[in-house]
Amino acid sequence: MSTHVAVSATGIHTLPQKRRGYIFTHEKALVGKEEWYRGDATDPEGIIVPEPVDVYWVKPDSDVWGVWPSRSVESPEVLLVVSGGGYVEGHPLEGSRCYEITRITGITALAFHYRKATHISRAFPAALQDIITVYHYLMSRGIQRVAIVGDSGGLALALLQHLGYLASGSAITPSLIPPIKMVFYSPWVDLTCSFPSFNNNMTYDLLHPTMLCTAAWGYTAAVRKYAARSLEPAIASLKRVADWATPEMFIIWGTAEMLDDEIQSLCENLVKGGFEHKLRQHRWEDEVHIFPILPDILSQNRKEALAEVAEFLLGGDQQSQAIKASIDSR
């Protein structure tokens, strides 16, 4: 990255760089106000504390990719991309997760490198603290229309629940603006790994029981004795966001993945909780885990799924043909 940097109240910034059809800016988001980290984001032992987070602004270079479909004034200003990896591995810039969605929609993406649970000192709530820091960073920059796109690990859903918890207080509510839309590719929401499809679909999926169980064990290492906090499925309750501005949600997954049953349960609980009018879901036949961001050779439906996501984010089926043409040409 460039050695030319600037420091502001929200972070440390490098100059933008062009690489392979995209414009990158690497920044470091600084820790936010203490009240943002209340509740589940607080380590009972006081060992895991908020830290600055590396963030990466990614936008397509119009000189390379040309013009994007027009979008309404209500469409997102920024796509906060939450990478998967079972909380224990992965980098936000690997694979296609950042590039395709910003290339298709023309909306700038912000990816971030949260702490992975490879040691007890980096276990839960470290990752939650990091995504809170990044969201605070966006609010500090005056960005009001944020959409979140998350794959696999349930960190994006955890953020939504935490923001709802914070909004129930009065200290930071005026500066807290909810995301307007959220997209989930195959969200992993039950760390107990107990739903039937977890074992029934393991011969079809890219995942493996040992992989997920090991990741769940590492992620909950610091809070395992607080069982209700660490292992209670995220699908158990979303009541604390009910009185807040719940965003529109789009959940995409496949029938052949190990997480099939728990994602269906998540959708059922969202409907029971009164969020049916906010929920869009598409369960794709014979597709595996996070298929929309896999290579074409592994999924025949990924481009169609991405077109649905782009339509959802941009706000309108009338752009369908333009978006699909954009995907095919890029």
C-alpha atoms as a PDB file:
ATOM      1  CA  MET A   1       0.000   0.000   0.000  1.00  0.00           C
ATOM      2  CA  SER A   2       1.026   3.626  -0.396  1.00  0.00           C
ATOM      3  CA  THR A   3       3.183   5.209   2.271  1.00  0.00           C
ATOM      4  CA  HIS A   4       1.252   8.455   1.956  1.00  0.00           C
ATOM      5  CA  VAL A   5      -1.182   8.514   4.869  1.00  0.00           C
ATOM      6  CA  ALA A   6      -3.473  10.907   6.675  1.00  0.00           C
ATOM      7  CA  VAL A   7      -5.020  10.700  10.121  1.00  0.00           C
ATOM      8  CA  SER A   8      -8.549  11.814  11.021  1.00  0.00           C
ATOM      9  CA  ALA A   9     -10.981  11.272  13.879  1.00  0.00           C
ATOM     10  CA  THR A  10     -12.329   8.144  12.188  1.00  0.00           C
ATOM     11  CA  GLY A  11      -9.156   6.414  11.096  1.00  0.00           C
ATOM     12  CA  ILE A  12      -5.829   6.306   9.260  1.00  0.00           C
ATOM     13  CA  HIS A  13      -6.075   6.611   5.487  1.00  0.00           C
ATOM     14  CA  THR A  14      -3.862   5.713   2.525  1.00  0.00           C
ATOM     15  CA  LEU A  15      -4.139   7.144  -0.944  1.00  0.00           C
ATOM     16  CA  PRO A  16      -6.367   5.228  -3.405  1.00  0.00           C
ATOM     17  CA  GLN A  17      -4.690   2.763  -5.737  1.00  0.00           C
ATOM     18  CA  LYS A  18      -5.909   1.191  -8.994  1.00  0.00           C
ATOM     19  CA  ARG A  19      -5.482  -2.545  -9.371  1.00  0.00           C
ATOM     20  CA  ARG A  20      -6.965  -4.928 -11.941  1.00  0.00           C
ATOM     21  CA  GLY A  21     -10.049  -2.865 -12.685  1.00  0.00           C
ATOM     22  CA  TYR A  22     -10.754  -1.700  -9.127  1.00  0.00           C
ATOM     23  CA  ILE A  23      -9.833   1.254  -6.959  1.00  0.00           C
ATOM     24  CA  PHE A  24      -8.658   0.344  -3.451  1.00  0.00           C
ATOM     25  CA  THR A  25      -8.144   2.405  -0.337  1.00  0.00           C
ATOM     26  CA  HIS A  26      -6.789   0.812   2.831  1.00  0.00           C
ATOM     27  CA  GLU A  27      -7.734   2.464   6.114  1.00  0.00           C
ATOM     28  CA  LYS A  28      -7.740   1.647   9.800  1.00  0.00           C
ATOM     29  CA  ALA A  29     -11.003   2.225  11.659  1.00  0.00           C
ATOM     30  CA  LEU A  30     -10.424   3.440  15.185  1.00  0.00           C
ATOM     31  CA  VAL A  31     -12.244   2.116  18.248  1.00  0.00           C
ATOM     32  CA  GLY A  32     -15.575   3.857  18.804  1.00  0.00           C
ATOM     33  CA  LYS A  33     -17.251   5.224  21.881  1.00  0.00           C
ATOM     34  CA  GLU A  34     -17.397   2.874  24.840  1.00  0.00           C
ATOM     35  CA  GLU A  35     -21.197   2.747  24.890  1.00  0.00           C
ATOM     36  CA  TRP A  36     -21.214   1.047  21.489  1.00  0.00           C
ATOM     37  CA  TYR A  37     -19.665  -2.070  23.029  1.00  0.00           C
ATOM     38  CA  ARG A  38     -22.194  -2.748  25.765  1.00  0.00           C
ATOM     39  CA  GLY A  39     -24.046  -6.033  26.265  1.00  0.00           C
ATOM     40  CA  ASP A  40     -22.866  -9.072  24.305  1.00  0.00           C
ATOM     41  CA  ALA A  41     -19.886  -7.158  22.917  1.00  0.00           C
ATOM     42  CA  THR A  42     -18.320  -6.980  26.387  1.00  0.00           C
ATOM     43  CA  ASP A  43     -15.989  -9.765  27.503  1.00  0.00           C
ATOM     44  CA  PRO A  44     -17.047 -10.758  31.067  1.00  0.00           C
ATOM     45  CA  GLU A  45     -13.371 -11.392  31.889  1.00  0.00           C
ATOM     46  CA  GLY A  46     -12.234  -8.050  30.497  1.00  0.00           C
ATOM     47  CA  ILE A  47      -9.532  -9.717  28.370  1.00  0.00           C
ATOM     48  CA  ILE A  48     -10.954  -9.292  24.855  1.00  0.00           C
ATOM     49  CA  VAL A  49     -11.327  -5.575  24.187  1.00  0.00           C
ATOM     50  CA  PRO A  50     -12.052  -3.487  21.076  1.00  0.00           C
ATOM     51  CA  GLU A  51      -9.111  -2.794  18.761  1.00  0.00           C
ATOM     52  CA  PRO A  52      -8.632  -0.751  15.565  1.00  0.00           C
ATOM     53  CA  VAL A  53      -9.709  -2.649  12.447  1.00  0.00           C
ATOM     54  CA  ASP A  54      -8.201  -2.751   8.958  1.00  0.00           C
ATOM     55  CA  VAL A  55     -10.814  -1.778   6.374  1.00  0.00           C
ATOM     56  CA  TYR A  56     -10.668  -1.780   2.585  1.00  0.00           C
ATOM     57  CA  TRP A  57     -12.716   0.463   0.324  1.00  0.00           C
ATOM     58  CA  VAL A  58     -13.275  -1.236  -3.043  1.00  0.00           C
ATOM     59  CA  LYS A  59     -15.003   0.303  -6.043  1.00  0.00           C
ATOM     60  CA  PRO A  60     -14.966  -0.587  -9.732  1.00  0.00           C
ATOM     61  CA  ASP A  61     -12.924   1.537 -12.085  1.00  0.00           C
ATOM     62  CA  SER A  62     -15.337   3.072 -14.583  1.00  0.00           C
ATOM     63  CA  ASP A  63     -12.508   3.416 -17.094  1.00  0.00           C
ATOM     64  CA  VAL A  64     -12.406  -0.385 -17.184  1.00  0.00           C
ATOM     65  CA  TRP A  65     -15.990  -1.498 -16.581  1.00  0.00           C
ATOM     66  CA  GLY A  66     -17.996   1.365 -18.047  1.00  0.00           C
ATOM     67  CA  VAL A  67     -21.414   2.595 -16.874  1.00  0.00           C
ATOM     68  CA  TRP A  68     -23.565   0.854 -14.258  1.00  0.00           C
ATOM     69  CA  PRO A  69     -27.365   0.577 -14.018  1.00  0.00           C
ATOM     70  CA  SER A  70     -28.907   3.745 -12.613  1.00  0.00           C
ATOM     71  CA  ARG A  71     -30.118   3.565  -9.036  1.00  0.00           C
ATOM     72  CA  SER A  72     -32.585   5.510  -6.930  1.00  0.00           C
ATOM     73  CA  VAL A  73     -31.693   7.997  -4.212  1.00  0.00           C
ATOM     74  CA  GLU A  74     -32.914   5.415  -1.666  1.00  0.00           C
ATOM     75  CA  SER A  75     -30.329   2.828  -2.741  1.00  0.00           C
ATOM     76  CA  PRO A  76     -27.321   2.150  -0.486  1.00  0.00           C
ATOM     77  CA  GLU A  77     -24.325   4.456  -0.381  1.00  0.00           C
ATOM     78  CA  VAL A  78     -22.038   1.665   0.816  1.00  0.00           C
ATOM     79  CA  LEU A  79     -22.091  -2.142   0.852  1.00  0.00           C
ATOM     80  CA  LEU A  80     -20.558  -3.420   4.089  1.00  0.00           C
ATOM     81  CA  VAL A  81     -19.221  -6.837   3.054  1.00  0.00           C
ATOM     82  CA  VAL A  82     -18.909  -9.339   5.915  1.00  0.00           C
ATOM     83  CA  SER A  83     -16.697 -12.249   4.911  1.00  0.00           C
ATOM     84  CA  GLY A  84     -17.245 -15.810   6.085  1.00  0.00           C
ATOM     85  CA  GLY A  85     -14.724 -18.430   7.129  1.00  0.00           C
ATOM     86  CA  GLY A  86     -16.331 -19.872  10.241  1.00  0.00           C
ATOM     87  CA  TYR A  87     -14.867 -17.048  12.367  1.00  0.00           C
ATOM     88  CA  VAL A  88     -11.474 -18.770  12.190  1.00  0.00           C
ATOM     89  CA  GLU A  89     -10.042 -18.095   8.715  1.00  0.00           C
ATOM     90  CA  GLY A  90     -10.310 -15.988   5.597  1.00  0.00           C
ATOM     91  CA  HIS A  91      -9.476 -12.503   4.339  1.00  0.00           C
ATOM     92  CA  PRO A  92     -12.087  -9.986   3.153  1.00  0.00           C
ATOM     93  CA  LEU A  93     -10.397  -9.449  -0.215  1.00  0.00           C
ATOM     94  CA  GLU A  94     -10.075 -13.094  -1.206  1.00  0.00           C
ATOM     95  CA  GLY A  95     -12.425 -14.719  -3.682  1.00  0.00           C
ATOM     96  CA  SER A  96     -15.157 -12.782  -5.495  1.00  0.00           C
ATOM     97  CA  ARG A  97     -17.288 -11.602  -2.569  1.00  0.00           C
ATOM     98  CA  CYS A  98     -16.246  -7.924  -2.728  1.00  0.00           C
ATOM     99  CA  TYR A  99     -15.549  -7.518  -6.397  1.00  0.00           C
ATOM    100  CA  GLU A 100     -18.582  -8.985  -8.134  1.00  0.00           C
ATOM    101  CA  ILE A 101     -21.217  -7.212  -6.071  1.00  0.00           C
ATOM    102  CA  THR A 102     -19.606  -3.782  -6.418  1.00  0.00           C
ATOM    103  CA  ARG A 103     -18.912  -4.402 -10.119  1.00  0.00           C
ATOM    104  CA  ILE A 104     -22.520  -5.384 -10.809  1.00  0.00           C
ATOM    105  CA  THR A 105     -24.214  -2.641  -8.788  1.00  0.00           C
ATOM    106  CA  GLY A 106     -21.666   0.166  -9.009  1.00  0.00           C
ATOM    107  CA  ILE A 107     -21.992   0.674  -5.246  1.00  0.00           C
ATOM    108  CA  THR A 108     -18.734   1.073  -3.312  1.00  0.00           C
ATOM    109  CA  ALA A 109     -17.938  -1.851  -1.007  1.00  0.00           C
ATOM    110  CA  LEU A 110     -16.258  -1.725   2.373  1.00  0.00           C
ATOM    111  CA  ALA A 111     -14.591  -4.935   3.522  1.00  0.00           C
ATOM    112  CA  PHE A 112     -12.813  -5.409   6.835  1.00  0.00           C
ATOM    113  CA  HIS A 113     -10.406  -7.846   8.443  1.00  0.00           C
ATOM    114  CA  TYR A 114     -11.946  -8.925  11.744  1.00  0.00           C
ATOM    115  CA  ARG A 115     -10.069 -10.958  14.343  1.00  0.00           C
ATOM    116  CA  LYS A 116     -10.251 -14.711  13.752  1.00  0.00           C
ATOM    117  CA  ALA A 117     -10.776 -17.103  16.639  1.00  0.00           C
ATOM    118  CA  THR A 118      -7.453 -18.908  16.288  1.00  0.00           C
ATOM    119  CA  HIS A 119      -6.705 -18.317  19.985  1.00  0.00           C
ATOM    120  CA  ILE A 120      -8.841 -17.724  23.053  1.00  0.00           C
ATOM    121  CA  SER A 121      -7.694 -14.088  23.088  1.00  0.00           C
ATOM    122  CA  ARG A 122      -9.292 -13.618  19.661  1.00  0.00           C
ATOM    123  CA  ALA A 123     -12.491 -15.600  20.275  1.00  0.00           C
ATOM    124  CA  PHE A 124     -16.006 -14.204  20.788  1.00  0.00           C
ATOM    125  CA  PRO A 125     -16.716 -11.312  21.288  1.00  0.00           C
ATOM    126  CA  ALA A 126     -13.637 -10.122  19.329  1.00  0.00           C
ATOM    127  CA  ALA A 127     -15.262 -10.412  15.886  1.00  0.00           C
ATOM    128  CA  LEU A 128     -18.444  -8.735  17.113  1.00  0.00           C
ATOM    129  CA  GLN A 129     -16.387  -5.887  18.580  1.00  0.00           C
ATOM    130  CA  ASP A 130     -14.631  -5.467  15.235  1.00  0.00           C
ATOM    131  CA  ILE A 131     -17.794  -5.220  13.144  1.00  0.00           C
ATOM    132  CA  ILE A 132     -19.191  -2.742  15.681  1.00  0.00           C
ATOM    133  CA  THR A 133     -16.030  -0.661  15.276  1.00  0.00           C
ATOM    134  CA  VAL A 134     -16.471  -0.691  11.501  1.00  0.00           C
ATOM    135  CA  TYR A 135     -20.138   0.260  11.719  1.00  0.00           C
ATOM    136  CA  HIS A 136     -19.261   3.091  14.108  1.00  0.00           C
ATOM    137  CA  TYR A 137     -16.613   4.162  11.603  1.00  0.00           C
ATOM    138  CA  LEU A 138     -19.263   4.399   8.868  1.00  0.00           C
ATOM    139  CA  MET A 139     -21.600   6.390  11.099  1.00  0.00           C
ATOM    140  CA  SER A 140     -18.744   8.734  12.013  1.00  0.00           C
ATOM    141  CA  ARG A 141     -18.218   9.457   8.318  1.00  0.00           C
ATOM    142  CA  GLY A 142     -21.836  10.552   7.974  1.00  0.00           C
ATOM    143  CA  ILE A 143     -22.897   7.574   5.835  1.00  0.00           C
ATOM    144  CA  GLN A 144     -26.617   7.034   6.347  1.00  0.00           C
ATOM    145  CA  ARG A 145     -27.623   4.350   3.838  1.00  0.00           C
ATOM    146  CA  VAL A 146     -25.642   1.190   4.538  1.00  0.00           C
ATOM    147  CA  ALA A 147     -26.463  -2.233   3.127  1.00  0.00           C
ATOM    148  CA  ILE A 148     -24.775  -5.317   4.568  1.00  0.00           C
ATOM    149  CA  VAL A 149     -23.829  -8.360   2.501  1.00  0.00           C
ATOM    150  CA  GLY A 150     -22.641 -11.329   4.558  1.00  0.00           C
ATOM    151  CA  ASP A 151     -21.764 -14.910   3.720  1.00  0.00           C
ATOM    152  CA  SER A 152     -21.629 -18.025   5.891  1.00  0.00           C
ATOM    153  CA  GLY A 153     -20.722 -17.006   9.469  1.00  0.00           C
ATOM    154  CA  GLY A 154     -23.594 -15.259  11.262  1.00  0.00           C
ATOM    155  CA  LEU A 155     -21.632 -12.136  12.172  1.00  0.00           C
ATOM    156  CA  ALA A 156     -23.900  -9.864  10.107  1.00  0.00           C
ATOM    157  CA  LEU A 157     -26.957 -11.179  11.940  1.00  0.00           C
ATOM    158  CA  ALA A 158     -25.166 -10.757  15.259  1.00  0.00           C
ATOM    159  CA  LEU A 159     -24.537  -7.109  14.363  1.00  0.00           C
ATOM    160  CA  LEU A 160     -28.226  -6.571  13.600  1.00  0.00           C
ATOM    161  CA  GLN A 161     -29.183  -7.997  16.986  1.00  0.00           C
ATOM    162  CA  HIS A 162     -26.551  -5.899  18.746  1.00  0.00           C
ATOM    163  CA  LEU A 163     -27.671  -2.686  17.037  1.00  0.00           C
ATOM    164  CA  GLY A 164     -31.218  -3.444  18.129  1.00  0.00           C
ATOM    165  CA  TYR A 165     -29.961  -3.869  21.688  1.00  0.00           C
ATOM    166  CA  LEU A 166     -28.106  -0.546  21.556  1.00  0.00           C
ATOM    167  CA  ALA A 167     -31.123   1.221  20.086  1.00  0.00           C
ATOM    168  CA  SER A 168     -33.146   0.160  23.126  1.00  0.00           C
ATOM    169  CA  GLY A 169     -31.015   2.567  25.171  1.00  0.00           C
ATOM    170  CA  SER A 170     -30.820   6.334  24.890  1.00  0.00           C
ATOM    171  CA  ALA A 171     -27.092   7.137  24.998  1.00  0.00           C
ATOM    172  CA  ILE A 172     -26.235   6.712  21.301  1.00  0.00           C
ATOM    173  CA  THR A 173     -29.593   6.328  19.560  1.00  0.00           C
ATOM    174  CA  PRO A 174     -29.424   9.734  17.780  1.00  0.00           C
ATOM    175  CA  SER A 175     -26.140   8.764  16.074  1.00  0.00           C
ATOM    176  CA  LEU A 176     -27.171   5.182  15.338  1.00  0.00           C
ATOM    177  CA  ILE A 177     -28.704   4.651  11.899  1.00  0.00           C
ATOM    178  CA  PRO A 178     -29.836   1.112  11.044  1.00  0.00           C
ATOM    179  CA  PRO A 179     -28.752  -0.601   7.830  1.00  0.00           C
ATOM    180  CA  ILE A 180     -31.393  -0.256   5.135  1.00  0.00           C
ATOM    181  CA  LYS A 181     -30.896  -3.705   3.592  1.00  0.00           C
ATOM    182  CA  MET A 182     -29.132  -6.941   4.481  1.00  0.00           C
ATOM    183  CA  VAL A 183     -28.209  -9.889   2.255  1.00  0.00           C
ATOM    184  CA  PHE A 184     -27.247 -13.246   3.740  1.00  0.00           C
ATOM    185  CA  TYR A 185     -25.633 -16.013   1.696  1.00  0.00           C
ATOM    186  CA  SER A 186     -26.045 -19.299   3.598  1.00  0.00           C
ATOM    187  CA  PRO A 187     -25.919 -17.794   7.115  1.00  0.00           C
ATOM    188  CA  TRP A 188     -24.511 -20.068   9.832  1.00  0.00           C
ATOM    189  CA  VAL A 189     -26.687 -19.248  12.812  1.00  0.00           C
ATOM    190  CA  ASP A 190     -26.596 -22.286  15.104  1.00  0.00           C
ATOM    191  CA  LEU A 191     -23.274 -23.033  16.776  1.00  0.00           C
ATOM    192  CA  THR A 192     -24.728 -26.144  18.428  1.00  0.00           C
ATOM    193  CA  CYS A 193     -24.536 -27.860  14.995  1.00  0.00           C
ATOM    194  CA  SER A 194     -27.660 -29.802  15.897  1.00  0.00           C
ATOM    195  CA  PHE A 195     -30.087 -29.565  12.968  1.00  0.00           C
ATOM    196  CA  PRO A 196     -30.706 -32.760  10.915  1.00  0.00           C
ATOM    197  CA  SER A 197     -29.304 -31.405   7.642  1.00  0.00           C
ATOM    198  CA  PHE A 198     -25.982 -30.884   9.389  1.00  0.00           C
ATOM    199  CA  ASN A 199     -25.355 -34.609   8.998  1.00  0.00           C
ATOM    200  CA  ASN A 200     -27.835 -35.496   6.242  1.00  0.00           C
ATOM    201  CA  ASN A 201     -26.262 -33.164   3.665  1.00  0.00           C
ATOM    202  CA  MET A 202     -22.593 -33.556   4.501  1.00  0.00           C
ATOM    203  CA  THR A 203     -21.975 -35.814   1.479  1.00  0.00           C
ATOM    204  CA  TYR A 204     -23.252 -33.107  -0.891  1.00  0.00           C
ATOM    205  CA  ASP A 205     -21.892 -29.895   0.611  1.00  0.00           C
ATOM    206  CA  LEU A 206     -18.518 -28.159   0.544  1.00  0.00           C
ATOM    207  CA  LEU A 207     -18.504 -28.065   4.338  1.00  0.00           C
ATOM    208  CA  HIS A 208     -17.761 -30.884   6.779  1.00  0.00           C
ATOM    209  CA  PRO A 209     -19.011 -31.504  10.339  1.00  0.00           C
ATOM    210  CA  THR A 210     -15.494 -31.525  11.788  1.00  0.00           C
ATOM    211  CA  MET A 211     -14.769 -28.190  10.139  1.00  0.00           C
ATOM    212  CA  LEU A 212     -17.829 -26.491  11.626  1.00  0.00           C
ATOM    213  CA  CYS A 213     -17.615 -28.091  15.068  1.00  0.00           C
ATOM    214  CA  THR A 214     -13.961 -27.083  15.382  1.00  0.00           C
ATOM    215  CA  ALA A 215     -14.771 -23.532  14.304  1.00  0.00           C
ATOM    216  CA  ALA A 216     -17.682 -23.284  16.763  1.00  0.00           C
ATOM    217  CA  TRP A 217     -15.471 -24.575  19.571  1.00  0.00           C
ATOM    218  CA  GLY A 218     -12.773 -22.012  18.824  1.00  0.00           C
ATOM    219  CA  TYR A 219     -15.190 -19.113  18.418  1.00  0.00           C
ATOM    220  CA  THR A 220     -16.851 -19.753  21.789  1.00  0.00           C
ATOM    221  CA  ALA A 221     -13.635 -20.560  23.688  1.00  0.00           C
ATOM    222  CA  ALA A 222     -13.630 -17.404  25.807  1.00  0.00           C
ATOM    223  CA  VAL A 223     -17.278 -17.551  26.845  1.00  0.00           C
ATOM    224  CA  ARG A 224     -18.114 -21.242  26.926  1.00  0.00           C
ATOM    225  CA  LYS A 225     -18.955 -21.135  30.599  1.00  0.00           C
ATOM    226  CA  TYR A 226     -21.569 -18.513  29.750  1.00  0.00           C
ATOM    227  CA  ALA A 227     -23.478 -21.103  27.714  1.00  0.00           C
ATOM    228  CA  ALA A 228     -26.539 -18.979  26.984  1.00  0.00           C
ATOM    229  CA  ARG A 229     -24.389 -16.348  25.300  1.00  0.00           C
ATOM    230  CA  SER A 230     -22.083 -18.614  23.368  1.00  0.00           C
ATOM    231  CA  LEU A 231     -24.166 -21.511  22.111  1.00  0.00           C
ATOM    232  CA  GLU A 232     -27.771 -20.311  22.022  1.00  0.00           C
ATOM    233  CA  PRO A 233     -28.736 -20.343  18.339  1.00  0.00           C
ATOM    234  CA  ALA A 234     -28.932 -16.908  16.791  1.00  0.00           C
ATOM    235  CA  ILE A 235     -32.342 -17.909  15.461  1.00  0.00           C
ATOM    236  CA  ALA A 236     -33.810 -18.123  18.965  1.00  0.00           C
ATOM    237  CA  SER A 237     -35.146 -14.589  19.132  1.00  0.00           C
ATOM    238  CA  LEU A 238     -35.073 -11.338  17.214  1.00  0.00           C
ATOM    239  CA  LYS A 239     -37.551  -9.571  19.466  1.00  0.00           C
ATOM    240  CA  ARG A 240     -35.160  -6.867  20.544  1.00  0.00           C
ATOM    241  CA  VAL A 241     -35.049  -5.413  17.033  1.00  0.00           C
ATOM    242  CA  ALA A 242     -38.825  -5.465  16.616  1.00  0.00           C
ATOM    243  CA  ASP A 243     -39.314  -1.926  17.893  1.00  0.00           C
ATOM    244  CA  TRP A 244     -36.465  -0.571  15.797  1.00  0.00           C
ATOM    245  CA  ALA A 245     -36.104   0.149  12.104  1.00  0.00           C
ATOM    246  CA  THR A 246     -35.538  -3.429  10.947  1.00  0.00           C
ATOM    247  CA  PRO A 247     -33.957  -3.505   7.484  1.00  0.00           C
ATOM    248  CA  GLU A 248     -35.214  -5.441   4.500  1.00  0.00           C
ATOM    249  CA  MET A 249     -33.554  -8.861   4.458  1.00  0.00           C
ATOM    250  CA  PHE A 250     -32.768 -11.233   1.613  1.00  0.00           C
ATOM    251  CA  ILE A 251     -31.625 -14.751   2.538  1.00  0.00           C
ATOM    252  CA  ILE A 252     -30.218 -17.098  -0.122  1.00  0.00           C
ATOM    253  CA  TRP A 253     -29.167 -20.709   0.369  1.00  0.00           C
ATOM    254  CA  GLY A 254     -29.307 -24.169  -1.198  1.00  0.00           C
ATOM    255  CA  THR A 255     -31.113 -27.400  -0.430  1.00  0.00           C
ATOM    256  CA  ALA A 256     -27.871 -29.405  -0.608  1.00  0.00           C
ATOM    257  CA  GLU A 257     -26.009 -27.569   2.129  1.00  0.00           C
ATOM    258  CA  MET A 258     -25.481 -28.687   5.696  1.00  0.00           C
ATOM    259  CA  LEU A 259     -27.055 -25.495   7.037  1.00  0.00           C
ATOM    260  CA  ASP A 260     -30.328 -25.962   5.132  1.00  0.00           C
ATOM    261  CA  ASP A 261     -32.529 -26.807   8.137  1.00  0.00           C
ATOM    262  CA  GLU A 262     -31.256 -24.057  10.421  1.00  0.00           C
ATOM    263  CA  ILE A 263     -31.663 -21.420   7.709  1.00  0.00           C
ATOM    264  CA  GLN A 264     -35.231 -22.563   7.131  1.00  0.00           C
ATOM    265  CA  SER A 265     -35.767 -22.285  10.888  1.00  0.00           C
ATOM    266  CA  LEU A 266     -34.297 -18.776  10.852  1.00  0.00           C
ATOM    267  CA  CYS A 267     -36.762 -17.709   8.148  1.00  0.00           C
ATOM    268  CA  GLU A 268     -39.669 -19.316  10.013  1.00  0.00           C
ATOM    269  CA  ASN A 269     -38.728 -17.458  13.195  1.00  0.00           C
ATOM    270  CA  LEU A 270     -38.444 -14.185  11.319  1.00  0.00           C
ATOM    271  CA  VAL A 271     -41.983 -14.685  10.004  1.00  0.00           C
ATOM    272  CA  LYS A 272     -43.267 -15.633  13.457  1.00  0.00           C
ATOM    273  CA  GLY A 273     -41.556 -12.553  14.863  1.00  0.00           C
ATOM    274  CA  GLY A 274     -43.515 -10.279  12.556  1.00  0.00           C
ATOM    275  CA  PHE A 275     -40.807  -9.636   9.967  1.00  0.00           C
ATOM    276  CA  GLU A 276     -42.531 -11.326   7.028  1.00  0.00           C
ATOM    277  CA  HIS A 277     -42.983  -8.017   5.200  1.00  0.00           C
ATOM    278  CA  LYS A 278     -39.245  -7.360   5.576  1.00  0.00           C
ATOM    279  CA  LEU A 279     -38.087 -10.808   4.479  1.00  0.00           C
ATOM    280  CA  ARG A 280     -37.255 -12.116   1.034  1.00  0.00           C
ATOM    281  CA  GLN A 281     -35.910 -15.650   0.748  1.00  0.00           C
ATOM    282  CA  HIS A 282     -34.822 -17.987  -2.029  1.00  0.00           C
ATOM    283  CA  ARG A 283     -33.949 -21.623  -1.358  1.00  0.00           C
ATOM    284  CA  TRP A 284     -32.222 -22.936  -4.468  1.00  0.00           C
ATOM    285  CA  GLU A 285     -32.625 -26.587  -5.402  1.00  0.00           C
ATOM    286  CA  ASP A 286     -29.436 -28.701  -5.228  1.00  0.00           C
ATOM    287  CA  GLU A 287     -27.167 -25.748  -4.514  1.00  0.00           C
ATOM    288  CA  VAL A 288     -24.404 -25.865  -1.892  1.00  0.00           C
ATOM    289  CA  HIS A 289     -23.030 -23.487   0.712  1.00  0.00           C
ATOM    290  CA  ILE A 290     -22.453 -19.855  -0.436  1.00  0.00           C
ATOM    291  CA  PHE A 291     -22.975 -20.838  -4.077  1.00  0.00           C
ATOM    292  CA  PRO A 292     -23.489 -17.229  -5.344  1.00  0.00           C
ATOM    293  CA  ILE A 293     -19.824 -16.419  -4.689  1.00  0.00           C
ATOM    294  CA  LEU A 294     -18.367 -19.714  -5.912  1.00  0.00           C
ATOM    295  CA  PRO A 295     -16.755 -20.148  -9.367  1.00  0.00           C
ATOM    296  CA  ASP A 296     -19.118 -20.761 -12.291  1.00  0.00           C
ATOM    297  CA  ILE A 297     -17.959 -24.358 -12.603  1.00  0.00           C
ATOM    298  CA  LEU A 298     -19.422 -25.147  -9.170  1.00  0.00           C
ATOM    299  CA  SER A 299     -22.840 -23.541  -9.637  1.00  0.00           C
ATOM    300  CA  GLN A 300     -25.154 -23.200 -12.619  1.00  0.00           C
ATOM    301  CA  ASN A 301     -27.380 -20.706 -10.783  1.00  0.00           C
ATOM    302  CA  ARG A 302     -24.889 -18.292  -9.252  1.00  0.00           C
ATOM    303  CA  LYS A 303     -25.280 -15.546 -11.877  1.00  0.00           C
ATOM    304  CA  GLU A 304     -29.056 -15.628 -11.621  1.00  0.00           C
ATOM    305  CA  ALA A 305     -28.779 -15.465  -7.832  1.00  0.00           C
ATOM    306  CA  LEU A 306     -26.416 -12.486  -8.065  1.00  0.00           C
ATOM    307  CA  ALA A 307     -28.870 -10.751 -10.391  1.00  0.00           C
ATOM    308  CA  GLU A 308     -31.577 -11.173  -7.736  1.00  0.00           C
ATOM    309  CA  VAL A 309     -29.265  -9.691  -5.112  1.00  0.00           C
ATOM    310  CA  ALA A 310     -28.417  -6.724  -7.345  1.00  0.00           C
ATOM    311  CA  GLU A 311     -32.114  -6.074  -8.000  1.00  0.00           C
ATOM    312  CA  PHE A 312     -32.799  -6.239  -4.276  1.00  0.00           C
ATOM    313  CA  LEU A 313     -30.003  -3.790  -3.445  1.00  0.00           C
ATOM    314  CA  LEU A 314     -30.722  -1.360  -6.254  1.00  0.00           C
ATOM    315  CA  GLY A 315     -34.450  -1.403  -5.608  1.00  0.00           C
ATOM    316  CA  GLY A 316     -36.569  -2.546  -8.493  1.00  0.00           C
ATOM    317  CA  ASP A 317     -37.269  -5.434 -10.843  1.00  0.00           C
ATOM    318  CA  GLN A 318     -37.367  -2.965 -13.736  1.00  0.00           C
ATOM    319  CA  GLN A 319     -33.570  -3.102 -13.802  1.00  0.00           C
ATOM    320  CA  SER A 320     -33.491  -6.870 -14.130  1.00  0.00           C
ATOM    321  CA  GLN A 321     -32.449  -7.103 -17.778  1.00  0.00           C
ATOM    322  CA  ALA A 322     -29.789  -4.415 -17.439  1.00  0.00           C
ATOM    323  CA  ILE A 323     -28.326  -6.130 -14.387  1.00  0.00           C
ATOM    324  CA  LYS A 324     -28.264  -9.576 -16.003  1.00  0.00           C
ATOM    325  CA  ALA A 325     -26.614  -8.112 -19.089  1.00  0.00           C
ATOM    326  CA  SER A 326     -24.076  -6.433 -16.808  1.00  0.00           C
ATOM    327  CA  ILE A 327     -23.272  -9.738 -15.083  1.00  0.00           C
ATOM    328  CA  ASP A 328     -22.875 -11.620 -18.368  1.00  0.00           C
ATOM    329  CA  SER A 329     -20.594  -8.954 -19.865  1.00  0.00           C
ATOM    330  CA  ARG A 330     -18.378  -8.565 -16.812  1.00  0.00           C
END
